[in-house]
């Protein structure tokens, strides 16, 4: 059972989230706050696993609420203003949802938060490995022409072929590598750091939460891309120019 807090200055929105939470047995609502200041006061005295927070609230923005906490819970932001998404992901929010909120989208965010919390529990048991020199956090890049890299896990080093990687998903301060074999690999390092280390000729950031493997790109849509497994990955406006310039325009057949 994971404990939850709702912070939103609109009672109708709070009631909707409460209704959704009642459908998920693994979550327990422990506090309902009408603004960020109320939420901050509660969180300073009580431990909560997941916070569902609006961003634009009187007194204290939801993003500032998360920044104000020394050890913040998992944050899921829910807002009518998608332009807040970038800042939300910059502070390692696990998800950002747009209003009006749908239950299927809400459940997807909850599942991601629960998965993250479960992973943290599992990884807590690996602390002794870090002391013995097997550091879990990190990715070692092979020379670019080798076509592979190594990741560190609890058993040692695992070789990942670049061609096997479909996309990489942010899990807050973790990242999850999704492969063609439908396997996932967790690395204890944020997406921004991974972006700096991966082969830039093959991997491209298209969203605050996603890096894709260009080898598996088969279509570029208005708000997303389609990969070779027919999965659609969202693309944010701030990254559209990069994919147009680096991928589409360089390879676009034109009339002369």
C-alpha atoms as a PDB file:
ATOM      1  CA  UNK A   1       0.000   0.000   0.000  1.00  0.00           C
ATOM      2  CA  UNK A   2       1.362   3.408  -0.997  1.00  0.00           C
ATOM      3  CA  UNK A   3       0.239   6.649   0.614  1.00  0.00           C
ATOM      4  CA  UNK A   4      -0.838   9.640  -1.460  1.00  0.00           C
ATOM      5  CA  UNK A   5      -1.446  13.360  -1.093  1.00  0.00           C
ATOM      6  CA  UNK A   6      -3.542  15.589  -3.374  1.00  0.00           C
ATOM      7  CA  UNK A   7      -2.687  19.283  -3.759  1.00  0.00           C
ATOM      8  CA  UNK A   8      -5.052  21.316  -5.951  1.00  0.00           C
ATOM      9  CA  UNK A   9      -6.873  24.582  -5.377  1.00  0.00           C
ATOM     10  CA  UNK A  10      -9.952  23.401  -7.329  1.00  0.00           C
ATOM     11  CA  UNK A  11     -12.304  21.199  -5.320  1.00  0.00           C
ATOM     12  CA  UNK A  12     -13.766  19.603  -8.470  1.00  0.00           C
ATOM     13  CA  UNK A  13     -10.304  18.469  -9.562  1.00  0.00           C
ATOM     14  CA  UNK A  14      -9.541  17.089  -6.092  1.00  0.00           C
ATOM     15  CA  UNK A  15     -12.805  15.171  -6.103  1.00  0.00           C
ATOM     16  CA  UNK A  16     -11.996  13.661  -9.497  1.00  0.00           C
ATOM     17  CA  UNK A  17      -8.568  12.479  -8.337  1.00  0.00           C
ATOM     18  CA  UNK A  18     -10.134  11.027  -5.180  1.00  0.00           C
ATOM     19  CA  UNK A  19     -12.641   9.143  -7.340  1.00  0.00           C
ATOM     20  CA  UNK A  20      -9.799   7.736  -9.433  1.00  0.00           C
ATOM     21  CA  UNK A  21      -7.803   6.749  -6.344  1.00  0.00           C
ATOM     22  CA  UNK A  22     -10.774   4.780  -4.993  1.00  0.00           C
ATOM     23  CA  UNK A  23     -10.456   2.520  -8.032  1.00  0.00           C
ATOM     24  CA  UNK A  24      -6.826   1.635  -7.239  1.00  0.00           C
ATOM     25  CA  UNK A  25      -6.583  -0.604  -4.135  1.00  0.00           C
ATOM     26  CA  UNK A  26      -2.805  -0.227  -3.789  1.00  0.00           C
ATOM     27  CA  UNK A  27      -3.075   3.520  -3.055  1.00  0.00           C
ATOM     28  CA  UNK A  28      -4.258   5.178   0.159  1.00  0.00           C
ATOM     29  CA  UNK A  29      -5.162   8.872   0.300  1.00  0.00           C
ATOM     30  CA  UNK A  30      -3.816  10.399   3.526  1.00  0.00           C
ATOM     31  CA  UNK A  31      -4.150  14.131   2.862  1.00  0.00           C
ATOM     32  CA  UNK A  32      -6.074  16.547   0.661  1.00  0.00           C
ATOM     33  CA  UNK A  33      -4.692  20.088   0.395  1.00  0.00           C
ATOM     34  CA  UNK A  34      -6.211  23.172  -1.203  1.00  0.00           C
ATOM     35  CA  UNK A  35      -2.861  24.803  -2.016  1.00  0.00           C
ATOM     36  CA  UNK A  36       0.883  24.285  -2.027  1.00  0.00           C
ATOM     37  CA  UNK A  37       1.446  25.837   1.402  1.00  0.00           C
ATOM     38  CA  UNK A  38      -0.938  23.380   3.055  1.00  0.00           C
ATOM     39  CA  UNK A  39       0.800  20.515   1.274  1.00  0.00           C
ATOM     40  CA  UNK A  40       4.246  21.764   2.353  1.00  0.00           C
ATOM     41  CA  UNK A  41       3.153  21.959   5.988  1.00  0.00           C
ATOM     42  CA  UNK A  42       1.814  18.400   5.891  1.00  0.00           C
ATOM     43  CA  UNK A  43       4.855  16.972   4.091  1.00  0.00           C
ATOM     44  CA  UNK A  44       7.268  18.540   6.569  1.00  0.00           C
ATOM     45  CA  UNK A  45       5.728  16.426   9.325  1.00  0.00           C
ATOM     46  CA  UNK A  46       4.524  13.341   7.477  1.00  0.00           C
ATOM     47  CA  UNK A  47       6.011  10.857   5.030  1.00  0.00           C
ATOM     48  CA  UNK A  48       4.056  10.317   1.806  1.00  0.00           C
ATOM     49  CA  UNK A  49       4.908   8.108  -1.153  1.00  0.00           C
ATOM     50  CA  UNK A  50       3.167   9.905  -4.042  1.00  0.00           C
ATOM     51  CA  UNK A  51       2.001  13.506  -4.449  1.00  0.00           C
ATOM     52  CA  UNK A  52      -0.589  14.402  -7.094  1.00  0.00           C
ATOM     53  CA  UNK A  53      -0.138  18.139  -7.468  1.00  0.00           C
ATOM     54  CA  UNK A  54      -1.495  20.944  -9.581  1.00  0.00           C
ATOM     55  CA  UNK A  55       1.216  23.371 -10.700  1.00  0.00           C
ATOM     56  CA  UNK A  56      -0.518  26.752 -10.730  1.00  0.00           C
ATOM     57  CA  UNK A  57      -1.713  27.175  -7.138  1.00  0.00           C
ATOM     58  CA  UNK A  58      -1.987  30.309  -4.950  1.00  0.00           C
ATOM     59  CA  UNK A  59       0.786  30.871  -2.436  1.00  0.00           C
ATOM     60  CA  UNK A  60       3.174  28.180  -3.693  1.00  0.00           C
ATOM     61  CA  UNK A  61       3.447  26.598  -7.130  1.00  0.00           C
ATOM     62  CA  UNK A  62       3.476  22.821  -7.275  1.00  0.00           C
ATOM     63  CA  UNK A  63       6.949  22.850  -8.808  1.00  0.00           C
ATOM     64  CA  UNK A  64       8.207  25.118  -6.006  1.00  0.00           C
ATOM     65  CA  UNK A  65       6.595  22.758  -3.502  1.00  0.00           C
ATOM     66  CA  UNK A  66       8.675  19.882  -4.862  1.00  0.00           C
ATOM     67  CA  UNK A  67      11.850  22.003  -4.815  1.00  0.00           C
ATOM     68  CA  UNK A  68      11.257  23.077  -1.220  1.00  0.00           C
ATOM     69  CA  UNK A  69      11.389  19.532   0.155  1.00  0.00           C
ATOM     70  CA  UNK A  70      14.721  18.040   1.204  1.00  0.00           C
ATOM     71  CA  UNK A  71      13.659  14.499   0.319  1.00  0.00           C
ATOM     72  CA  UNK A  72      10.583  14.909  -1.893  1.00  0.00           C
ATOM     73  CA  UNK A  73       8.127  12.070  -2.509  1.00  0.00           C
ATOM     74  CA  UNK A  74       7.356  10.926  -6.032  1.00  0.00           C
ATOM     75  CA  UNK A  75       5.603  13.828  -7.761  1.00  0.00           C
ATOM     76  CA  UNK A  76       2.972  13.567 -10.477  1.00  0.00           C
ATOM     77  CA  UNK A  77       1.952  16.989 -11.769  1.00  0.00           C
ATOM     78  CA  UNK A  78      -1.530  17.587 -13.151  1.00  0.00           C
ATOM     79  CA  UNK A  79      -2.123  20.885 -14.901  1.00  0.00           C
ATOM     80  CA  UNK A  80      -4.194  22.714 -17.505  1.00  0.00           C
ATOM     81  CA  UNK A  81      -1.005  24.336 -18.799  1.00  0.00           C
ATOM     82  CA  UNK A  82       1.252  21.933 -20.739  1.00  0.00           C
ATOM     83  CA  UNK A  83       4.011  24.563 -20.824  1.00  0.00           C
ATOM     84  CA  UNK A  84       4.718  23.669 -17.194  1.00  0.00           C
ATOM     85  CA  UNK A  85       5.765  20.152 -18.239  1.00  0.00           C
ATOM     86  CA  UNK A  86       9.385  21.058 -18.980  1.00  0.00           C
ATOM     87  CA  UNK A  87      10.006  22.451 -15.499  1.00  0.00           C
ATOM     88  CA  UNK A  88       8.210  19.499 -13.947  1.00  0.00           C
ATOM     89  CA  UNK A  89      10.509  16.990 -15.638  1.00  0.00           C
ATOM     90  CA  UNK A  90      13.561  19.134 -14.853  1.00  0.00           C
ATOM     91  CA  UNK A  91      12.925  18.472 -11.168  1.00  0.00           C
ATOM     92  CA  UNK A  92      12.550  14.738 -11.854  1.00  0.00           C
ATOM     93  CA  UNK A  93       8.779  14.464 -11.631  1.00  0.00           C
ATOM     94  CA  UNK A  94       7.769  10.935 -12.529  1.00  0.00           C
ATOM     95  CA  UNK A  95       4.960  12.158 -14.795  1.00  0.00           C
ATOM     96  CA  UNK A  96       3.037  15.195 -16.027  1.00  0.00           C
ATOM     97  CA  UNK A  97      -0.653  14.925 -16.912  1.00  0.00           C
ATOM     98  CA  UNK A  98      -2.826  17.457 -18.673  1.00  0.00           C
ATOM     99  CA  UNK A  99      -6.331  18.425 -17.599  1.00  0.00           C
ATOM    100  CA  UNK A 100      -9.063  17.366 -18.212  1.00  0.00           C
ATOM    101  CA  UNK A 101      -7.817  14.176 -16.615  1.00  0.00           C
ATOM    102  CA  UNK A 102      -8.835  10.742 -17.921  1.00  0.00           C
ATOM    103  CA  UNK A 103      -8.683   7.613 -15.796  1.00  0.00           C
ATOM    104  CA  UNK A 104      -6.654   5.614 -18.328  1.00  0.00           C
ATOM    105  CA  UNK A 105      -4.005   8.347 -18.421  1.00  0.00           C
ATOM    106  CA  UNK A 106      -4.106   8.664 -14.628  1.00  0.00           C
ATOM    107  CA  UNK A 107      -3.624   4.912 -14.212  1.00  0.00           C
ATOM    108  CA  UNK A 108      -0.628   4.961 -16.560  1.00  0.00           C
ATOM    109  CA  UNK A 109       1.057   7.601 -14.407  1.00  0.00           C
ATOM    110  CA  UNK A 110       0.234   5.721 -11.212  1.00  0.00           C
ATOM    111  CA  UNK A 111       1.696   2.499 -12.603  1.00  0.00           C
ATOM    112  CA  UNK A 112       4.907   4.309 -13.480  1.00  0.00           C
ATOM    113  CA  UNK A 113       5.137   5.810  -9.982  1.00  0.00           C
ATOM    114  CA  UNK A 114       4.510   2.442  -8.321  1.00  0.00           C
ATOM    115  CA  UNK A 115       7.082   0.777 -10.552  1.00  0.00           C
ATOM    116  CA  UNK A 116       9.624   3.430  -9.571  1.00  0.00           C
ATOM    117  CA  UNK A 117       8.899   2.934  -5.864  1.00  0.00           C
ATOM    118  CA  UNK A 118       9.190  -0.852  -6.206  1.00  0.00           C
ATOM    119  CA  UNK A 119      12.519  -0.460  -7.987  1.00  0.00           C
ATOM    120  CA  UNK A 120      13.820   1.774  -5.202  1.00  0.00           C
ATOM    121  CA  UNK A 121      12.933  -0.939  -2.692  1.00  0.00           C
ATOM    122  CA  UNK A 122      14.778  -3.574  -4.698  1.00  0.00           C
ATOM    123  CA  UNK A 123      17.820  -1.397  -5.247  1.00  0.00           C
ATOM    124  CA  UNK A 124      18.079  -0.547  -1.557  1.00  0.00           C
ATOM    125  CA  UNK A 125      19.264  -4.118  -1.062  1.00  0.00           C
ATOM    126  CA  UNK A 126      22.173  -3.597  -3.436  1.00  0.00           C
ATOM    127  CA  UNK A 127      23.935  -0.997  -1.308  1.00  0.00           C
ATOM    128  CA  UNK A 128      26.552  -3.526  -0.221  1.00  0.00           C
ATOM    129  CA  UNK A 129      27.523  -4.037  -3.862  1.00  0.00           C
ATOM    130  CA  UNK A 130      28.351  -0.359  -4.168  1.00  0.00           C
ATOM    131  CA  UNK A 131      30.651  -0.669  -1.162  1.00  0.00           C
ATOM    132  CA  UNK A 132      32.424  -3.629  -2.781  1.00  0.00           C
ATOM    133  CA  UNK A 133      33.163  -1.632  -5.900  1.00  0.00           C
ATOM    134  CA  UNK A 134      30.363  -2.745  -8.208  1.00  0.00           C
ATOM    135  CA  UNK A 135      28.729   0.637  -8.699  1.00  0.00           C
ATOM    136  CA  UNK A 136      25.169   0.316  -9.929  1.00  0.00           C
ATOM    137  CA  UNK A 137      24.812   3.839 -11.201  1.00  0.00           C
ATOM    138  CA  UNK A 138      26.329   4.484 -14.565  1.00  0.00           C
ATOM    139  CA  UNK A 139      26.786   3.600 -18.189  1.00  0.00           C
ATOM    140  CA  UNK A 140      30.111   2.943 -19.898  1.00  0.00           C
ATOM    141  CA  UNK A 141      30.244   4.006 -23.529  1.00  0.00           C
ATOM    142  CA  UNK A 142      32.204   1.846 -25.942  1.00  0.00           C
ATOM    143  CA  UNK A 143      33.886   3.488 -28.964  1.00  0.00           C
ATOM    144  CA  UNK A 144      31.192   4.774 -31.312  1.00  0.00           C
ATOM    145  CA  UNK A 145      32.103   2.390 -34.135  1.00  0.00           C
ATOM    146  CA  UNK A 146      31.680  -0.667 -31.881  1.00  0.00           C
ATOM    147  CA  UNK A 147      27.886  -0.435 -31.808  1.00  0.00           C
ATOM    148  CA  UNK A 148      27.423  -1.325 -28.144  1.00  0.00           C
ATOM    149  CA  UNK A 149      27.777  -0.032 -24.601  1.00  0.00           C
ATOM    150  CA  UNK A 150      27.899  -1.541 -21.125  1.00  0.00           C
ATOM    151  CA  UNK A 151      25.610  -0.892 -18.199  1.00  0.00           C
ATOM    152  CA  UNK A 152      26.293  -1.842 -14.604  1.00  0.00           C
ATOM    153  CA  UNK A 153      23.810  -3.905 -12.661  1.00  0.00           C
ATOM    154  CA  UNK A 154      23.756  -5.943  -9.446  1.00  0.00           C
ATOM    155  CA  UNK A 155      25.605  -8.826 -11.096  1.00  0.00           C
ATOM    156  CA  UNK A 156      28.326  -6.844 -12.846  1.00  0.00           C
ATOM    157  CA  UNK A 157      28.453  -5.476 -16.396  1.00  0.00           C
ATOM    158  CA  UNK A 158      25.896  -6.127 -19.126  1.00  0.00           C
ATOM    159  CA  UNK A 159      26.616  -5.529 -22.814  1.00  0.00           C
ATOM    160  CA  UNK A 160      23.813  -3.813 -24.740  1.00  0.00           C
ATOM    161  CA  UNK A 161      23.876  -3.653 -28.535  1.00  0.00           C
ATOM    162  CA  UNK A 162      22.833  -0.223 -29.797  1.00  0.00           C
ATOM    163  CA  UNK A 163      20.742  -1.804 -32.549  1.00  0.00           C
ATOM    164  CA  UNK A 164      18.681  -3.644 -29.908  1.00  0.00           C
ATOM    165  CA  UNK A 165      17.617  -0.461 -28.121  1.00  0.00           C
ATOM    166  CA  UNK A 166      14.244   0.952 -29.148  1.00  0.00           C
ATOM    167  CA  UNK A 167      13.999   3.867 -26.735  1.00  0.00           C
ATOM    168  CA  UNK A 168      14.967   4.980 -23.261  1.00  0.00           C
ATOM    169  CA  UNK A 169      12.420   6.277 -20.776  1.00  0.00           C
ATOM    170  CA  UNK A 170      12.967   8.562 -17.809  1.00  0.00           C
ATOM    171  CA  UNK A 171      12.027   7.169 -14.403  1.00  0.00           C
ATOM    172  CA  UNK A 172      12.824  10.301 -12.414  1.00  0.00           C
ATOM    173  CA  UNK A 173      16.460   9.928 -11.375  1.00  0.00           C
ATOM    174  CA  UNK A 174      16.549   6.463 -13.023  1.00  0.00           C
ATOM    175  CA  UNK A 175      16.218   5.526 -16.694  1.00  0.00           C
ATOM    176  CA  UNK A 176      14.721   2.450 -18.326  1.00  0.00           C
ATOM    177  CA  UNK A 177      16.118   1.003 -21.548  1.00  0.00           C
ATOM    178  CA  UNK A 178      13.503  -0.705 -23.758  1.00  0.00           C
ATOM    179  CA  UNK A 179      14.799  -3.261 -26.263  1.00  0.00           C
ATOM    180  CA  UNK A 180      13.581  -5.116 -29.357  1.00  0.00           C
ATOM    181  CA  UNK A 181      13.483  -8.312 -27.313  1.00  0.00           C
ATOM    182  CA  UNK A 182      10.794  -6.687 -25.114  1.00  0.00           C
ATOM    183  CA  UNK A 183      13.223  -6.623 -22.231  1.00  0.00           C
ATOM    184  CA  UNK A 184      13.872  -3.597 -20.045  1.00  0.00           C
ATOM    185  CA  UNK A 185      17.061  -2.635 -18.254  1.00  0.00           C
ATOM    186  CA  UNK A 186      17.294  -0.135 -15.438  1.00  0.00           C
ATOM    187  CA  UNK A 187      20.216   2.252 -15.043  1.00  0.00           C
ATOM    188  CA  UNK A 188      20.556   4.418 -11.974  1.00  0.00           C
ATOM    189  CA  UNK A 189      21.220   7.594 -13.867  1.00  0.00           C
ATOM    190  CA  UNK A 190      18.984  10.335 -15.222  1.00  0.00           C
ATOM    191  CA  UNK A 191      18.018  10.745 -18.865  1.00  0.00           C
ATOM    192  CA  UNK A 192      19.931  14.006 -19.216  1.00  0.00           C
ATOM    193  CA  UNK A 193      23.191  12.314 -18.233  1.00  0.00           C
ATOM    194  CA  UNK A 194      22.529   9.377 -20.543  1.00  0.00           C
ATOM    195  CA  UNK A 195      21.946  11.787 -23.411  1.00  0.00           C
ATOM    196  CA  UNK A 196      25.476  13.129 -22.978  1.00  0.00           C
ATOM    197  CA  UNK A 197      27.046   9.666 -23.122  1.00  0.00           C
ATOM    198  CA  UNK A 198      25.128   7.872 -25.864  1.00  0.00           C
ATOM    199  CA  UNK A 199      26.102   7.862 -29.546  1.00  0.00           C
ATOM    200  CA  UNK A 200      24.600  11.098 -30.865  1.00  0.00           C
ATOM    201  CA  UNK A 201      24.490   9.737 -34.407  1.00  0.00           C
ATOM    202  CA  UNK A 202      22.017   7.074 -33.307  1.00  0.00           C
ATOM    203  CA  UNK A 203      20.183   8.375 -30.244  1.00  0.00           C
ATOM    204  CA  UNK A 204      18.080  11.541 -30.067  1.00  0.00           C
ATOM    205  CA  UNK A 205      16.137  13.181 -27.241  1.00  0.00           C
ATOM    206  CA  UNK A 206      12.600  13.959 -28.440  1.00  0.00           C
ATOM    207  CA  UNK A 207      10.872  14.574 -25.112  1.00  0.00           C
ATOM    208  CA  UNK A 208      11.776  15.314 -21.513  1.00  0.00           C
ATOM    209  CA  UNK A 209      10.951  11.668 -20.827  1.00  0.00           C
ATOM    210  CA  UNK A 210      12.218   9.907 -23.931  1.00  0.00           C
ATOM    211  CA  UNK A 211      15.335   9.250 -26.030  1.00  0.00           C
ATOM    212  CA  UNK A 212      14.749   7.236 -29.191  1.00  0.00           C
ATOM    213  CA  UNK A 213      17.048   5.104 -31.329  1.00  0.00           C
ATOM    214  CA  UNK A 214      16.991   6.686 -34.808  1.00  0.00           C
ATOM    215  CA  UNK A 215      17.719   3.279 -36.352  1.00  0.00           C
ATOM    216  CA  UNK A 216      14.175   2.260 -35.396  1.00  0.00           C
ATOM    217  CA  UNK A 217      12.414   5.462 -36.448  1.00  0.00           C
ATOM    218  CA  UNK A 218       9.855   4.779 -39.188  1.00  0.00           C
ATOM    219  CA  UNK A 219       7.603   7.862 -39.072  1.00  0.00           C
ATOM    220  CA  UNK A 220       7.581  11.408 -37.707  1.00  0.00           C
ATOM    221  CA  UNK A 221       4.114  12.662 -36.775  1.00  0.00           C
ATOM    222  CA  UNK A 222       2.930  16.083 -35.634  1.00  0.00           C
ATOM    223  CA  UNK A 223       3.211  15.235 -31.929  1.00  0.00           C
ATOM    224  CA  UNK A 224       5.182  12.028 -31.863  1.00  0.00           C
ATOM    225  CA  UNK A 225       7.202   9.398 -33.687  1.00  0.00           C
ATOM    226  CA  UNK A 226       6.553   5.773 -34.605  1.00  0.00           C
ATOM    227  CA  UNK A 227       9.221   3.138 -34.011  1.00  0.00           C
ATOM    228  CA  UNK A 228       9.828  -0.164 -35.782  1.00  0.00           C
ATOM    229  CA  UNK A 229       7.722  -2.066 -33.235  1.00  0.00           C
ATOM    230  CA  UNK A 230       4.781   0.222 -34.208  1.00  0.00           C
ATOM    231  CA  UNK A 231       4.919   1.958 -30.854  1.00  0.00           C
ATOM    232  CA  UNK A 232       4.223   5.687 -30.846  1.00  0.00           C
ATOM    233  CA  UNK A 233       6.413   7.841 -28.606  1.00  0.00           C
ATOM    234  CA  UNK A 234       5.329  11.419 -27.796  1.00  0.00           C
ATOM    235  CA  UNK A 235       7.442  14.322 -29.030  1.00  0.00           C
ATOM    236  CA  UNK A 236       7.383  17.685 -27.245  1.00  0.00           C
ATOM    237  CA  UNK A 237       7.390  21.021 -29.081  1.00  0.00           C
ATOM    238  CA  UNK A 238      10.817  21.981 -27.741  1.00  0.00           C
ATOM    239  CA  UNK A 239      12.401  18.993 -29.516  1.00  0.00           C
ATOM    240  CA  UNK A 240      10.532  19.175 -32.833  1.00  0.00           C
ATOM    241  CA  UNK A 241      13.083  21.482 -34.433  1.00  0.00           C
ATOM    242  CA  UNK A 242      15.942  19.122 -33.576  1.00  0.00           C
ATOM    243  CA  UNK A 243      14.357  16.086 -35.206  1.00  0.00           C
ATOM    244  CA  UNK A 244      13.348  18.135 -38.260  1.00  0.00           C
ATOM    245  CA  UNK A 245      16.855  19.511 -38.740  1.00  0.00           C
ATOM    246  CA  UNK A 246      18.913  16.465 -37.781  1.00  0.00           C
ATOM    247  CA  UNK A 247      16.754  13.737 -39.277  1.00  0.00           C
ATOM    248  CA  UNK A 248      13.935  14.763 -41.618  1.00  0.00           C
ATOM    249  CA  UNK A 249      15.422  17.638 -43.626  1.00  0.00           C
ATOM    250  CA  UNK A 250      18.779  15.920 -44.124  1.00  0.00           C
ATOM    251  CA  UNK A 251      17.075  12.915 -45.693  1.00  0.00           C
ATOM    252  CA  UNK A 252      14.018  14.459 -47.335  1.00  0.00           C
ATOM    253  CA  UNK A 253      13.534  13.899 -51.072  1.00  0.00           C
ATOM    254  CA  UNK A 254      12.856  17.289 -52.716  1.00  0.00           C
ATOM    255  CA  UNK A 255      11.704  18.725 -56.012  1.00  0.00           C
ATOM    256  CA  UNK A 256      14.332  20.657 -57.996  1.00  0.00           C
END
